[in-house]
Amino acid sequence: MTIRNNGSQTENVGIERNDDSPAIARTVAPGASRVVTLRLRENRSTRVQVTWKNEPVLTETRRADCVKGSPTPSPTRTRLPRTGPDDAVMWARAATGGAAMITGLIIFWYGGIWPRRRDRLFAGRKGD
């Protein structure tokens, strides 16, 4: 992290983290800049806040994604992970839909033959 002093007098700044580590106090000369190296927790987000005259100037959240014991960062994924339902769920949904259609057809057919009336409800034309 680089801290620059664009003013005309020496300024004091503090760097605080939310990982229970002590605050870092630095003095920056007028027109100068200071580089501050911070150690972050492994595979966790850390909020870093720079304060000047007890007022927050900059707040950022950083994350160290490194493999333990390796100086190189972990490789980035080239393919997205598979999401969505499994194949068994898709077959179960298709079977449920087919069974619902067959049940509907059976109810429609049975409703057409039951109850069968033997007598006419309405009288036909004269002569019937």
Protein backbone atom coordinates (compact mmCIF):
# COMPACT_ATOMS: atom_id res chain seq x y z
CA MET A 1 0.00 0.00 0.00
CA THR A 2 1.42 3.40 -0.99
CA ILE A 3 0.65 6.51 1.04
CA ARG A 4 1.35 9.93 -0.52
CA ASN A 5 1.47 13.32 1.21
CA ASN A 6 0.52 16.08 -1.23
CA GLY A 7 0.48 18.72 1.51
CA SER A 8 3.15 21.16 2.68
CA GLN A 9 3.66 19.77 6.20
CA THR A 10 4.49 16.41 7.75
CA GLU A 11 1.41 14.25 8.38
CA ASN A 12 0.76 11.24 10.60
CA VAL A 13 -1.40 8.40 9.31
CA GLY A 14 -2.59 5.15 10.82
CA ILE A 15 -3.35 1.83 9.16
CA GLU A 16 -5.83 -0.47 10.89
CA ARG A 17 -6.97 -3.98 10.03
CA ASN A 18 -9.94 -5.99 11.28
CA ASP A 19 -7.86 -9.11 12.04
CA ASP A 20 -6.94 -8.22 15.65
CA SER A 21 -3.47 -7.01 14.69
CA PRO A 22 -2.09 -3.76 16.11
CA ALA A 23 -2.50 -0.52 14.18
CA ILE A 24 0.47 0.77 12.18
CA ALA A 25 1.42 4.44 12.58
CA ARG A 26 3.53 6.18 9.94
CA THR A 27 4.83 9.69 9.39
CA VAL A 28 4.95 11.00 5.83
CA ALA A 29 7.07 14.02 4.91
CA PRO A 30 5.61 16.77 2.69
CA GLY A 31 5.59 15.79 -1.00
CA ALA A 32 6.82 12.28 -0.20
CA SER A 33 5.27 8.85 -0.33
CA ARG A 34 5.70 5.69 1.78
CA VAL A 35 5.15 2.10 0.86
CA VAL A 36 3.68 -0.04 3.65
CA THR A 37 3.67 -3.81 3.32
CA LEU A 38 0.91 -5.65 5.16
CA ARG A 39 0.59 -9.33 5.94
CA LEU A 40 -2.92 -10.59 5.29
CA ARG A 41 -4.58 -13.69 6.69
CA GLU A 42 -4.60 -16.70 4.40
CA ASN A 43 -7.84 -17.26 2.44
CA ARG A 44 -9.82 -14.69 4.44
CA SER A 45 -11.01 -11.20 3.66
CA THR A 46 -9.30 -8.41 5.58
CA ARG A 47 -10.60 -4.85 5.80
CA VAL A 48 -7.76 -2.29 5.71
CA GLN A 49 -8.52 1.28 6.79
CA VAL A 50 -6.19 4.29 6.51
CA THR A 51 -6.94 7.10 8.96
CA TRP A 52 -5.67 10.67 9.05
CA LYS A 53 -6.46 12.88 12.05
CA ASN A 54 -8.74 10.11 13.38
CA GLU A 55 -10.88 10.27 10.22
CA PRO A 56 -11.02 7.35 7.75
CA VAL A 57 -9.47 8.32 4.43
CA LEU A 58 -9.53 4.99 2.59
CA THR A 59 -11.15 1.65 3.33
CA GLU A 60 -10.51 -1.43 1.19
CA THR A 61 -11.14 -5.14 1.55
CA ARG A 62 -8.33 -7.43 0.41
CA ARG A 63 -7.99 -11.22 0.28
CA ALA A 64 -4.82 -13.35 0.17
CA ASP A 65 -5.55 -16.37 -2.06
CA CYS A 66 -2.28 -18.28 -1.95
CA VAL A 67 -1.53 -21.95 -1.50
CA LYS A 68 0.23 -22.48 1.84
CA GLY A 69 3.97 -22.98 1.49
CA SER A 70 3.97 -21.88 -2.15
CA PRO A 71 5.21 -18.51 -3.36
CA THR A 72 2.86 -18.64 -6.37
CA PRO A 73 -0.84 -17.79 -6.16
CA SER A 74 -3.42 -20.48 -6.63
CA PRO A 75 -4.36 -21.13 -10.27
CA THR A 76 -7.44 -19.48 -11.69
CA ARG A 77 -10.25 -21.65 -12.96
CA THR A 78 -10.66 -21.87 -16.70
CA ARG A 79 -14.10 -23.51 -16.55
CA LEU A 80 -17.05 -22.68 -14.36
CA PRO A 81 -18.23 -25.38 -11.95
CA ARG A 82 -21.30 -27.36 -12.95
CA THR A 83 -24.46 -26.06 -11.36
CA GLY A 84 -28.08 -27.03 -11.71
CA PRO A 85 -29.99 -30.25 -11.19
CA ASP A 86 -28.39 -33.65 -11.58
CA ASP A 87 -29.39 -36.04 -14.35
CA ALA A 88 -31.44 -38.17 -11.93
CA VAL A 89 -33.53 -35.13 -10.97
CA MET A 90 -34.23 -34.39 -14.63
CA TRP A 91 -35.38 -38.00 -15.25
CA ALA A 92 -37.59 -37.86 -12.16
CA ARG A 93 -39.20 -34.63 -13.36
CA ALA A 94 -39.80 -36.10 -16.83
CA ALA A 95 -41.36 -39.24 -15.31
CA THR A 96 -43.60 -37.13 -13.08
CA GLY A 97 -44.76 -35.05 -16.06
CA GLY A 98 -45.47 -38.18 -18.13
CA ALA A 99 -47.42 -39.77 -15.28
CA ALA A 100 -49.47 -36.58 -14.85
CA MET A 101 -50.34 -36.58 -18.56
CA ILE A 102 -51.38 -40.25 -18.52
CA THR A 103 -53.48 -39.67 -15.39
CA GLY A 104 -55.20 -36.72 -17.07
CA LEU A 105 -55.97 -38.79 -20.16
CA ILE A 106 -57.44 -41.59 -18.04
CA ILE A 107 -59.63 -39.13 -16.10
CA PHE A 108 -60.79 -37.51 -19.36
CA TRP A 109 -61.62 -40.90 -20.92
CA TYR A 110 -63.37 -42.22 -17.82
CA GLY A 111 -65.39 -39.01 -17.52
CA GLY A 112 -66.71 -39.63 -21.02
CA ILE A 113 -68.03 -43.12 -20.31
CA TRP A 114 -69.28 -42.67 -16.77
CA PRO A 115 -72.09 -42.22 -15.76
CA ARG A 116 -73.72 -43.62 -18.88
CA ARG A 117 -77.40 -42.77 -19.05
CA ARG A 118 -79.79 -45.11 -20.71
CA ASP A 119 -82.73 -42.77 -21.07
CA ARG A 120 -82.83 -39.56 -23.02
CA LEU A 121 -82.70 -36.35 -21.10
CA PHE A 122 -84.40 -34.26 -23.73
CA ALA A 123 -87.26 -35.30 -25.88
CA GLY A 124 -86.46 -35.34 -29.52
CA ARG A 125 -88.59 -34.06 -32.36
CA LYS A 126 -92.08 -35.14 -32.92
CA GLY A 127 -92.18 -38.67 -33.93
CA ASP A 128 -89.36 -39.89 -31.70
